[in-house]
C-alpha atoms as a PDB file:
ATOM      1  CA  UNK A   1      -0.043   0.042   0.003  1.00  0.00           C
ATOM      2  CA  UNK A   2       2.475   2.502   0.816  1.00  0.00           C
ATOM      3  CA  UNK A   3       4.008   1.838  -2.839  1.00  0.00           C
ATOM      4  CA  UNK A   4       1.233   2.881  -4.320  1.00  0.00           C
ATOM      5  CA  UNK A   5       1.308   6.042  -2.101  1.00  0.00           C
ATOM      6  CA  UNK A   6       5.327   6.310  -3.304  1.00  0.00           C
ATOM      7  CA  UNK A   7       3.979   6.085  -6.840  1.00  0.00           C
ATOM      8  CA  UNK A   8       1.191   8.800  -6.637  1.00  0.00           C
ATOM      9  CA  UNK A   9       3.803  11.288  -5.037  1.00  0.00           C
ATOM     10  CA  UNK A  10       6.561  10.388  -7.716  1.00  0.00           C
ATOM     11  CA  UNK A  11       4.112  10.942 -10.614  1.00  0.00           C
ATOM     12  CA  UNK A  12       3.341  14.128  -9.116  1.00  0.00           C
ATOM     13  CA  UNK A  13       6.826  15.039  -9.039  1.00  0.00           C
ATOM     14  CA  UNK A  14       7.439  13.892 -12.499  1.00  0.00           C
ATOM     15  CA  UNK A  15       4.298  15.447 -13.771  1.00  0.00           C
ATOM     16  CA  UNK A  16       6.354  18.607 -12.570  1.00  0.00           C
ATOM     17  CA  UNK A  17       9.329  18.118 -14.427  1.00  0.00           C
ATOM     18  CA  UNK A  18      10.006  20.669 -17.121  1.00  0.00           C
ATOM     19  CA  UNK A  19       7.627  23.019 -16.129  1.00  0.00           C
ATOM     20  CA  UNK A  20       7.403  26.673 -15.442  1.00  0.00           C
ATOM     21  CA  UNK A  21       8.414  27.442 -11.891  1.00  0.00           C
ATOM     22  CA  UNK A  22       4.719  28.306 -10.911  1.00  0.00           C
ATOM     23  CA  UNK A  23       3.469  24.989 -12.275  1.00  0.00           C
ATOM     24  CA  UNK A  24       6.161  23.176 -10.511  1.00  0.00           C
ATOM     25  CA  UNK A  25       5.240  24.848  -7.079  1.00  0.00           C
ATOM     26  CA  UNK A  26       1.938  23.973  -7.685  1.00  0.00           C
ATOM     27  CA  UNK A  27       2.327  20.411  -8.054  1.00  0.00           C
ATOM     28  CA  UNK A  28       4.756  20.195  -4.991  1.00  0.00           C
ATOM     29  CA  UNK A  29       2.232  21.804  -2.654  1.00  0.00           C
ATOM     30  CA  UNK A  30      -0.531  19.435  -3.906  1.00  0.00           C
ATOM     31  CA  UNK A  31       1.897  16.635  -3.467  1.00  0.00           C
ATOM     32  CA  UNK A  32       2.383  17.782   0.078  1.00  0.00           C
ATOM     33  CA  UNK A  33      -1.278  17.944   0.975  1.00  0.00           C
ATOM     34  CA  UNK A  34      -1.924  14.675  -0.738  1.00  0.00           C
ATOM     35  CA  UNK A  35       1.226  12.740   1.221  1.00  0.00           C
ATOM     36  CA  UNK A  36      -0.021   9.198   2.276  1.00  0.00           C
ATOM     37  CA  UNK A  37      -2.852   8.800  -0.154  1.00  0.00           C
ATOM     38  CA  UNK A  38      -3.101   5.964  -2.348  1.00  0.00           C
ATOM     39  CA  UNK A  39      -4.006   6.067  -5.989  1.00  0.00           C
ATOM     40  CA  UNK A  40      -6.382   2.898  -7.410  1.00  0.00           C
ATOM     41  CA  UNK A  41      -4.306   0.557  -9.014  1.00  0.00           C
ATOM     42  CA  UNK A  42      -2.984   1.449 -12.689  1.00  0.00           C
ATOM     43  CA  UNK A  43      -4.373   5.143 -12.507  1.00  0.00           C
ATOM     44  CA  UNK A  44      -3.201   7.514 -14.889  1.00  0.00           C
ATOM     45  CA  UNK A  45      -2.316  10.936 -13.798  1.00  0.00           C
ATOM     46  CA  UNK A  46      -4.791  13.601 -15.669  1.00  0.00           C
ATOM     47  CA  UNK A  47      -4.227  17.137 -13.997  1.00  0.00           C
ATOM     48  CA  UNK A  48      -2.602  18.348 -10.836  1.00  0.00           C
ATOM     49  CA  UNK A  49      -3.836  22.251  -9.717  1.00  0.00           C
ATOM     50  CA  UNK A  50      -3.786  23.931  -6.472  1.00  0.00           C
ATOM     51  CA  UNK A  51      -4.119  26.971  -4.662  1.00  0.00           C
ATOM     52  CA  UNK A  52      -3.204  28.957  -1.563  1.00  0.00           C
ATOM     53  CA  UNK A  53      -4.769  26.371   0.616  1.00  0.00           C
ATOM     54  CA  UNK A  54      -6.270  23.477  -1.449  1.00  0.00           C
ATOM     55  CA  UNK A  55      -5.158  20.870  -3.901  1.00  0.00           C
ATOM     56  CA  UNK A  56      -6.771  19.075  -6.568  1.00  0.00           C
ATOM     57  CA  UNK A  57      -5.595  16.002  -8.180  1.00  0.00           C
ATOM     58  CA  UNK A  58      -7.520  14.059 -11.289  1.00  0.00           C
ATOM     59  CA  UNK A  59      -6.765  10.453 -12.141  1.00  0.00           C
ATOM     60  CA  UNK A  60      -8.405   8.039 -14.426  1.00  0.00           C
ATOM     61  CA  UNK A  61      -8.866   4.354 -13.403  1.00  0.00           C
ATOM     62  CA  UNK A  62      -9.800   1.185 -15.457  1.00  0.00           C
ATOM     63  CA  UNK A  63     -12.444   0.051 -13.591  1.00  0.00           C
ATOM     64  CA  UNK A  64     -16.271   1.125 -12.822  1.00  0.00           C
ATOM     65  CA  UNK A  65     -16.885   3.759 -10.748  1.00  0.00           C
ATOM     66  CA  UNK A  66     -18.664   1.386  -7.938  1.00  0.00           C
ATOM     67  CA  UNK A  67     -15.251  -0.660  -7.876  1.00  0.00           C
ATOM     68  CA  UNK A  68     -12.999   2.188  -7.637  1.00  0.00           C
ATOM     69  CA  UNK A  69     -15.139   3.939  -5.160  1.00  0.00           C
ATOM     70  CA  UNK A  70     -15.202   0.651  -3.100  1.00  0.00           C
ATOM     71  CA  UNK A  71     -11.576   0.449  -3.024  1.00  0.00           C
ATOM     72  CA  UNK A  72     -11.340   3.967  -1.716  1.00  0.00           C
ATOM     73  CA  UNK A  73     -13.881   3.415   1.204  1.00  0.00           C
ATOM     74  CA  UNK A  74     -11.703   0.113   2.370  1.00  0.00           C
ATOM     75  CA  UNK A  75      -8.303   1.978   1.710  1.00  0.00           C
ATOM     76  CA  UNK A  76      -9.044   5.202   3.746  1.00  0.00           C
ATOM     77  CA  UNK A  77     -10.817   3.418   6.783  1.00  0.00           C
ATOM     78  CA  UNK A  78      -7.160   0.941   7.032  1.00  0.00           C
ATOM     79  CA  UNK A  79      -5.380   4.181   6.641  1.00  0.00           C
ATOM     80  CA  UNK A  80      -7.121   5.890   9.738  1.00  0.00           C
ATOM     81  CA  UNK A  81      -9.349   8.123   7.563  1.00  0.00           C
ATOM     82  CA  UNK A  82     -13.039   8.418   9.033  1.00  0.00           C
ATOM     83  CA  UNK A  83     -15.535   8.668   6.348  1.00  0.00           C
ATOM     84  CA  UNK A  84     -17.905  11.148   7.006  1.00  0.00           C
ATOM     85  CA  UNK A  85     -20.103  11.454   4.021  1.00  0.00           C
ATOM     86  CA  UNK A  86     -20.868   9.183   1.140  1.00  0.00           C
ATOM     87  CA  UNK A  87     -23.725   9.997  -1.528  1.00  0.00           C
ATOM     88  CA  UNK A  88     -24.496   9.335  -5.080  1.00  0.00           C
ATOM     89  CA  UNK A  89     -25.344  12.769  -7.343  1.00  0.00           C
ATOM     90  CA  UNK A  90     -28.194  13.222  -9.379  1.00  0.00           C
ATOM     91  CA  UNK A  91     -25.665  12.504 -12.565  1.00  0.00           C
ATOM     92  CA  UNK A  92     -24.523   8.906 -11.053  1.00  0.00           C
ATOM     93  CA  UNK A  93     -21.223  10.514  -9.744  1.00  0.00           C
ATOM     94  CA  UNK A  94     -20.196   8.945  -6.162  1.00  0.00           C
ATOM     95  CA  UNK A  95     -18.945  11.980  -3.770  1.00  0.00           C
ATOM     96  CA  UNK A  96     -17.000  10.886  -0.608  1.00  0.00           C
ATOM     97  CA  UNK A  97     -15.845  13.236   2.256  1.00  0.00           C
ATOM     98  CA  UNK A  98     -13.130  11.852   4.896  1.00  0.00           C
ATOM     99  CA  UNK A  99     -10.972  13.421   7.388  1.00  0.00           C
ATOM    100  CA  UNK A 100      -7.910  12.162   9.000  1.00  0.00           C
ATOM    101  CA  UNK A 101      -7.912  14.377  11.992  1.00  0.00           C
ATOM    102  CA  UNK A 102      -8.192  17.733  11.042  1.00  0.00           C
ATOM    103  CA  UNK A 103      -7.035  16.638   7.643  1.00  0.00           C
ATOM    104  CA  UNK A 104     -10.463  16.840   5.108  1.00  0.00           C
ATOM    105  CA  UNK A 105     -10.637  15.105   1.932  1.00  0.00           C
ATOM    106  CA  UNK A 106     -13.214  15.079  -0.762  1.00  0.00           C
ATOM    107  CA  UNK A 107     -13.113  12.672  -3.699  1.00  0.00           C
ATOM    108  CA  UNK A 108     -15.545  12.667  -6.411  1.00  0.00           C
ATOM    109  CA  UNK A 109     -15.817   9.454  -8.855  1.00  0.00           C
ATOM    110  CA  UNK A 110     -17.604  10.099 -12.109  1.00  0.00           C
ATOM    111  CA  UNK A 111     -18.080   7.256 -14.829  1.00  0.00           C
ATOM    112  CA  UNK A 112     -16.392   7.405 -18.265  1.00  0.00           C
ATOM    113  CA  UNK A 113     -16.548   5.703 -21.858  1.00  0.00           C
ATOM    114  CA  UNK A 114     -19.309   3.481 -21.240  1.00  0.00           C
ATOM    115  CA  UNK A 115     -19.038   3.100 -17.446  1.00  0.00           C
ATOM    116  CA  UNK A 116     -15.639   1.026 -17.754  1.00  0.00           C
ATOM    117  CA  UNK A 117     -13.377   3.522 -16.613  1.00  0.00           C
ATOM    118  CA  UNK A 118     -13.431   5.943 -13.927  1.00  0.00           C
ATOM    119  CA  UNK A 119     -12.303   9.780 -13.701  1.00  0.00           C
ATOM    120  CA  UNK A 120     -11.815  10.625 -10.040  1.00  0.00           C
ATOM    121  CA  UNK A 121     -10.867  13.743  -8.218  1.00  0.00           C
ATOM    122  CA  UNK A 122      -8.925  14.165  -4.939  1.00  0.00           C
ATOM    123  CA  UNK A 123      -9.154  17.464  -3.300  1.00  0.00           C
ATOM    124  CA  UNK A 124      -7.135  18.069   0.015  1.00  0.00           C
ATOM    125  CA  UNK A 125      -7.094  21.237   1.800  1.00  0.00           C
ATOM    126  CA  UNK A 126      -4.865  22.817   4.393  1.00  0.00           C
ATOM    127  CA  UNK A 127      -7.269  24.211   7.221  1.00  0.00           C
ATOM    128  CA  UNK A 128      -6.324  26.981   9.227  1.00  0.00           C
ATOM    129  CA  UNK A 129      -5.557  26.050  12.841  1.00  0.00           C
ATOM    130  CA  UNK A 130      -8.625  27.978  14.532  1.00  0.00           C
ATOM    131  CA  UNK A 131     -10.746  26.705  11.574  1.00  0.00           C
ATOM    132  CA  UNK A 132     -11.564  23.019  13.100  1.00  0.00           C
ATOM    133  CA  UNK A 133     -13.305  22.300  16.457  1.00  0.00           C
ATOM    134  CA  UNK A 134     -10.878  20.481  18.800  1.00  0.00           C
ATOM    135  CA  UNK A 135     -12.986  17.496  20.320  1.00  0.00           C
ATOM    136  CA  UNK A 136     -10.824  17.835  23.441  1.00  0.00           C
ATOM    137  CA  UNK A 137     -11.556  21.534  23.846  1.00  0.00           C
ATOM    138  CA  UNK A 138     -13.744  22.129  26.704  1.00  0.00           C
ATOM    139  CA  UNK A 139     -17.682  22.980  25.746  1.00  0.00           C
ATOM    140  CA  UNK A 140     -18.923  26.790  25.811  1.00  0.00           C
ATOM    141  CA  UNK A 141     -21.711  28.538  26.924  1.00  0.00           C
ATOM    142  CA  UNK A 142     -23.493  25.516  29.435  1.00  0.00           C
ATOM    143  CA  UNK A 143     -24.689  23.395  26.160  1.00  0.00           C
ATOM    144  CA  UNK A 144     -24.028  20.286  28.254  1.00  0.00           C
ATOM    145  CA  UNK A 145     -26.102  21.999  31.249  1.00  0.00           C
ATOM    146  CA  UNK A 146     -28.870  22.662  28.425  1.00  0.00           C
ATOM    147  CA  UNK A 147     -28.827  19.256  26.909  1.00  0.00           C
ATOM    148  CA  UNK A 148     -29.042  17.666  30.553  1.00  0.00           C
ATOM    149  CA  UNK A 149     -32.379  19.752  31.319  1.00  0.00           C
ATOM    150  CA  UNK A 150     -33.442  18.659  27.972  1.00  0.00           C
ATOM    151  CA  UNK A 151     -33.010  15.080  28.566  1.00  0.00           C
ATOM    152  CA  UNK A 152     -34.380  15.138  32.296  1.00  0.00           C
ATOM    153  CA  UNK A 153     -37.909  16.127  30.879  1.00  0.00           C
END
């Protein structure tokens, strides 16, 4: 499994070779945000882009959407990600949102070419430290007192 993540990382770095400096920095930032993520076996890199605090990697896999999505659900769980949301959209795409600690990840899976291949997009973000509530932080404004009162009624 770490071999696949190494391959993804190397693919991102190789794709950045012989590019203009801004594109190379963009790809390096994307590689840092996607560190430790796996690519579905035999996937092909299509595009990499990033902004100030997020990056997107688009790949194509030689398998149907449900096969690729199921593989990702299993791999994410095995690698310490919590699946927060999993939905099918109106156009039959599958969207998965997962989180590892404060690290968010969105994956969209869309069928290509008669459903035999899948284009999927991974979007990772670097959230500001104060934007995600820490689950170990004390509760504010007596909310536990209010909920205790409601439960007693």
